[in-house]
Protein backbone atom coordinates (compact mmCIF):
# COMPACT_ATOMS: atom_id res chain seq x y z
CA MET A 1 0.00 0.00 0.00
CA PRO A 2 1.65 3.29 -1.08
CA LEU A 3 1.79 5.90 1.65
CA ALA A 4 0.19 9.28 0.90
CA ALA A 5 0.32 12.71 2.50
CA PRO A 6 -2.51 12.90 5.08
CA GLN A 7 -4.97 15.75 5.48
CA ARG A 8 -4.09 18.40 8.06
CA ALA A 9 -6.76 17.45 10.61
CA GLY A 10 -5.91 14.63 12.99
CA LEU A 11 -2.46 14.11 11.50
CA VAL A 12 -1.20 11.65 14.11
CA ASP A 13 -4.28 9.44 13.85
CA GLN A 14 -4.06 9.45 10.07
CA VAL A 15 -0.39 8.53 10.09
CA ILE A 16 -1.11 5.75 12.60
CA GLY A 17 -3.85 4.47 10.29
CA GLN A 18 -1.60 4.48 7.23
CA LEU A 19 1.28 2.75 8.99
CA ARG A 20 -1.04 0.17 10.56
CA GLU A 21 -2.59 -0.63 7.17
CA ALA A 22 0.83 -0.90 5.51
CA ILE A 23 1.88 -3.37 8.22
CA ARG A 24 -1.36 -5.34 7.94
CA GLN A 25 -0.96 -5.66 4.17
CA GLY A 26 2.62 -6.86 4.49
CA GLU A 27 4.38 -3.77 3.13
CA TRP A 28 6.96 -4.44 5.85
CA PRO A 29 6.91 -8.06 7.07
CA VAL A 30 7.29 -9.05 10.72
CA GLY A 31 10.91 -8.65 11.74
CA GLU A 32 11.72 -6.11 9.04
CA ARG A 33 12.81 -2.52 9.70
CA ILE A 34 10.39 0.17 8.55
CA PRO A 35 11.62 3.31 6.72
CA THR A 36 13.60 5.80 8.79
CA GLU A 37 11.98 8.73 10.49
CA GLN A 38 13.31 11.10 7.83
CA GLU A 39 12.03 8.88 5.02
CA LEU A 40 8.56 8.82 6.58
CA VAL A 41 8.64 12.59 7.06
CA THR A 42 9.46 13.02 3.37
CA THR A 43 6.94 10.45 2.13
CA LEU A 44 4.04 11.61 4.29
CA GLY A 45 4.83 15.33 4.32
CA VAL A 46 4.43 15.71 8.07
CA GLY A 47 6.72 16.79 10.88
CA ARG A 48 9.08 14.64 12.90
CA ASN A 49 6.95 14.98 16.02
CA THR A 50 3.94 13.58 14.19
CA ILE A 51 5.94 10.56 13.01
CA ARG A 52 7.38 10.05 16.49
CA GLU A 53 3.94 10.13 18.13
CA ALA A 54 2.54 7.68 15.59
CA VAL A 55 5.45 5.29 15.98
CA ARG A 56 5.25 5.56 19.77
CA ALA A 57 1.54 4.68 19.68
CA LEU A 58 2.11 1.66 17.43
CA ALA A 59 5.00 0.50 19.61
CA HIS A 60 2.75 0.76 22.67
CA SER A 61 0.10 -1.36 20.94
CA GLY A 62 2.70 -4.01 20.06
CA LEU A 63 2.90 -3.58 16.29
CA LEU A 64 6.32 -1.92 16.27
CA GLU A 65 9.49 -2.27 18.31
CA VAL A 66 11.85 0.69 18.62
CA ARG A 67 15.47 -0.38 18.95
CA GLN A 68 17.62 2.53 20.03
CA GLY A 69 20.41 3.18 17.56
CA ASP A 70 19.12 0.53 15.14
CA GLY A 71 15.69 1.64 13.93
CA THR A 72 12.07 0.58 14.26
CA TYR A 73 10.97 -2.96 13.41
CA VAL A 74 7.63 -4.64 12.75
CA ARG A 75 6.76 -6.85 15.70
CA ALA A 76 3.23 -8.01 14.79
CA THR A 77 0.58 -7.42 12.14
CA SER A 78 -2.30 -6.67 14.51
CA GLU A 79 -2.84 -5.16 17.95
CA VAL A 80 -4.26 -8.45 19.23
CA SER A 81 -1.18 -10.42 18.23
CA GLY A 82 1.07 -7.67 19.56
CA ALA A 83 -0.74 -7.73 22.89
CA VAL A 84 -0.34 -11.48 23.21
CA ARG A 85 3.38 -11.16 22.43
CA ARG A 86 3.75 -8.58 25.21
CA LEU A 87 1.68 -10.55 27.72
CA CYS A 88 3.07 -14.01 27.01
CA GLY A 89 6.53 -13.53 25.60
CA SER A 90 8.15 -16.93 25.94
CA GLN A 91 5.32 -18.24 28.10
CA LEU A 92 4.18 -20.82 25.58
CA ARG A 93 1.73 -22.34 28.05
CA GLU A 94 -0.37 -19.17 28.09
CA VAL A 95 -0.45 -19.02 24.29
CA LEU A 96 -1.66 -22.61 24.16
CA GLN A 97 -4.34 -21.90 26.74
CA VAL A 98 -5.65 -19.04 24.60
CA ARG A 99 -5.57 -21.29 21.54
CA ARG A 100 -7.54 -23.95 23.43
CA THR A 101 -10.23 -21.43 24.38
CA LEU A 102 -10.71 -20.39 20.74
CA GLU A 103 -10.04 -23.64 18.89
CA VAL A 104 -12.29 -25.90 20.95
CA GLU A 105 -15.31 -23.71 20.23
CA GLY A 106 -14.08 -23.14 16.68
CA ALA A 107 -14.01 -26.88 15.99
CA ALA A 108 -17.52 -27.33 17.36
CA LEU A 109 -18.84 -24.48 15.22
CA ALA A 110 -17.06 -25.90 12.17
CA ALA A 111 -18.78 -29.25 12.69
CA ARG A 112 -22.15 -27.47 12.75
CA GLU A 113 -21.67 -24.92 9.99
CA ARG A 114 -19.04 -26.21 7.56
CA THR A 115 -19.78 -26.40 3.86
CA GLU A 116 -18.48 -28.93 1.36
CA ALA A 117 -16.03 -26.29 0.15
CA ASP A 118 -14.77 -25.86 3.73
CA LEU A 119 -14.33 -29.61 4.07
CA GLU A 120 -12.41 -29.80 0.81
CA LEU A 121 -10.07 -27.02 1.93
CA LEU A 122 -9.48 -28.64 5.33
CA THR A 123 -8.70 -31.96 3.70
CA THR A 124 -6.26 -30.34 1.27
CA LEU A 125 -4.47 -28.43 4.04
CA LEU A 126 -4.21 -31.46 6.32
CA ASP A 127 -2.86 -33.63 3.50
CA ARG A 128 -0.33 -30.92 2.69
CA ARG A 129 0.64 -30.61 6.37
CA ASP A 130 1.18 -34.35 6.81
CA ARG A 131 3.12 -34.61 3.56
CA ALA A 132 5.41 -31.75 4.62
CA TRP A 133 6.18 -33.55 7.87
CA ALA A 134 6.89 -36.83 6.06
CA ASP A 135 9.21 -35.01 3.66
CA GLY A 136 11.06 -33.26 6.47
CA GLU A 137 9.92 -29.83 5.29
CA PHE A 138 9.59 -28.26 8.72
CA THR A 139 8.88 -24.69 7.58
CA ALA A 140 6.14 -25.85 5.22
CA PHE A 141 4.71 -28.05 7.98
CA VAL A 142 4.50 -25.17 10.43
CA ARG A 143 2.86 -22.90 7.88
CA THR A 144 0.25 -25.43 6.74
CA ASP A 145 -0.51 -26.57 10.29
CA ALA A 146 -1.29 -22.96 11.28
CA GLU A 147 -3.34 -22.56 8.08
CA PHE A 148 -5.31 -25.69 8.94
CA HIS A 149 -6.24 -24.41 12.39
CA LEU A 150 -7.29 -21.04 10.95
CA ALA A 151 -9.39 -22.82 8.30
CA VAL A 152 -11.12 -24.86 11.02
CA VAL A 153 -12.13 -21.67 12.83
CA GLN A 154 -13.24 -20.03 9.57
CA ALA A 155 -15.37 -23.07 8.74
CA GLY A 156 -17.56 -22.11 11.69
CA HIS A 157 -18.57 -18.96 9.78
CA ASN A 158 -18.45 -16.77 12.86
CA THR A 159 -16.89 -13.55 11.60
CA LEU A 160 -15.84 -12.22 14.99
CA LEU A 161 -14.19 -15.47 16.08
CA SER A 162 -12.42 -15.76 12.71
CA GLU A 163 -11.05 -12.22 12.89
CA LEU A 164 -9.97 -12.69 16.50
CA TYR A 165 -8.14 -15.89 15.62
CA ARG A 166 -6.61 -14.40 12.46
CA GLY A 167 -5.19 -11.64 14.64
CA LEU A 168 -3.20 -14.30 16.49
CA THR A 169 -1.56 -15.69 13.35
CA GLU A 170 1.99 -14.90 14.42
CA VAL A 171 1.73 -16.39 17.91
CA VAL A 172 -0.19 -19.45 16.66
CA THR A 173 2.52 -20.09 14.07
CA ALA A 174 5.22 -19.52 16.67
CA SER A 175 3.54 -21.96 19.05
CA VAL A 176 3.28 -24.59 16.29
CA ALA A 177 6.98 -24.21 15.50
CA THR A 178 8.01 -24.39 19.15
CA THR A 179 5.87 -27.38 20.12
CA SER A 180 6.71 -29.30 16.93
CA GLN A 181 10.46 -29.05 17.55
CA ALA A 182 10.15 -31.73 20.22
CA ASP A 183 8.61 -34.17 17.72
CA LEU A 184 11.15 -33.82 14.90
CA SER A 185 12.56 -37.29 15.55
CA LYS A 186 9.13 -38.91 15.34
CA ALA A 187 7.74 -40.49 12.18
CA GLU A 188 4.44 -38.65 12.56
CA ALA A 189 3.34 -35.28 13.91
CA ILE A 190 0.38 -34.88 16.28
CA ASP A 191 -2.58 -36.38 14.46
CA HIS A 192 -5.38 -34.01 13.43
CA ARG A 193 -7.39 -36.56 11.42
CA GLY A 194 -9.78 -36.93 14.34
CA ILE A 195 -10.68 -33.25 14.15
CA LEU A 196 -11.24 -33.45 10.39
CA ASP A 197 -13.33 -36.65 10.66
CA ALA A 198 -15.55 -35.12 13.36
CA ILE A 199 -16.10 -31.97 11.29
CA ALA A 200 -16.87 -34.10 8.23
CA ALA A 201 -19.40 -36.12 10.29
CA LYS A 202 -20.92 -32.88 11.63
CA ASP A 203 -20.31 -34.03 15.19
CA PRO A 204 -19.66 -30.87 17.29
CA ARG A 205 -19.03 -32.72 20.56
CA ARG A 206 -16.40 -35.00 19.06
CA ALA A 207 -14.80 -32.14 17.15
CA SER A 208 -14.39 -30.08 20.31
CA GLU A 209 -13.06 -33.11 22.21
CA GLN A 210 -10.48 -33.75 19.52
CA ALA A 211 -9.35 -30.12 19.53
CA ARG A 212 -9.19 -30.03 23.32
CA GLY A 213 -7.31 -33.32 23.44
CA PHE A 214 -4.27 -32.34 21.42
CA LEU A 215 -4.03 -28.90 23.03
CA ASP A 216 -4.30 -30.43 26.52
CA GLU A 217 -1.41 -32.70 25.52
CA LEU A 218 0.71 -29.75 24.38
CA ILE A 219 -0.09 -27.79 27.55
CA ALA A 220 0.81 -30.80 29.71
CA ARG A 221 4.18 -30.95 27.98
CA GLN A 222 4.95 -27.45 29.21
CA THR A 223 4.45 -28.68 32.79
CA ASP A 224 6.37 -31.90 32.16
CA PRO A 225 8.71 -31.44 29.15
CA THR A 226 9.57 -35.15 29.21
CA GLY A 227 5.95 -36.14 28.63
């Protein structure tokens, strides 16, 4: 999204809006440095103080991280994800507990509301996920596993729940990567076929049980890493 000079009224809010949208659309990916203060001043045609206030606000909300002497970096693509990063940090257990809260209900809704197109997408993603694991393609596995869980939630056709979960994309992906590291020596990853089968059978109770089961297992591992 190209940045444009904002109108005079409410300059800080407008700059915040433009920067937030650029981040959301991937103009600057997570972990990448955004343009310098002077570059933003030139591009947007506003003063340094306006840029500083906007950056400070986005850093406070968790989207940006200001590194003194190095620049400002994208930390998350949404305020929700940024908030979870600030609250949880390396506390994987808390991330998994939040996932359990959303994914158990999401699986039940998916079993009730899914369409044939939803089921086809879930099947494709799960096949892709399992194939990536078998082929030793860890990055592809992490990405498709996170995509599968998002697709399950979206299959429930609850817009608010879907948007809330989408806002957690970075921490969900990070939690998948972290928890999967322990299983790299195993022939198979945690099995999600039970979730898919329950959704296909339109069985909400079984779908929620399957979702709760694997997340309970991951949470238990954080208490007992040898489990």
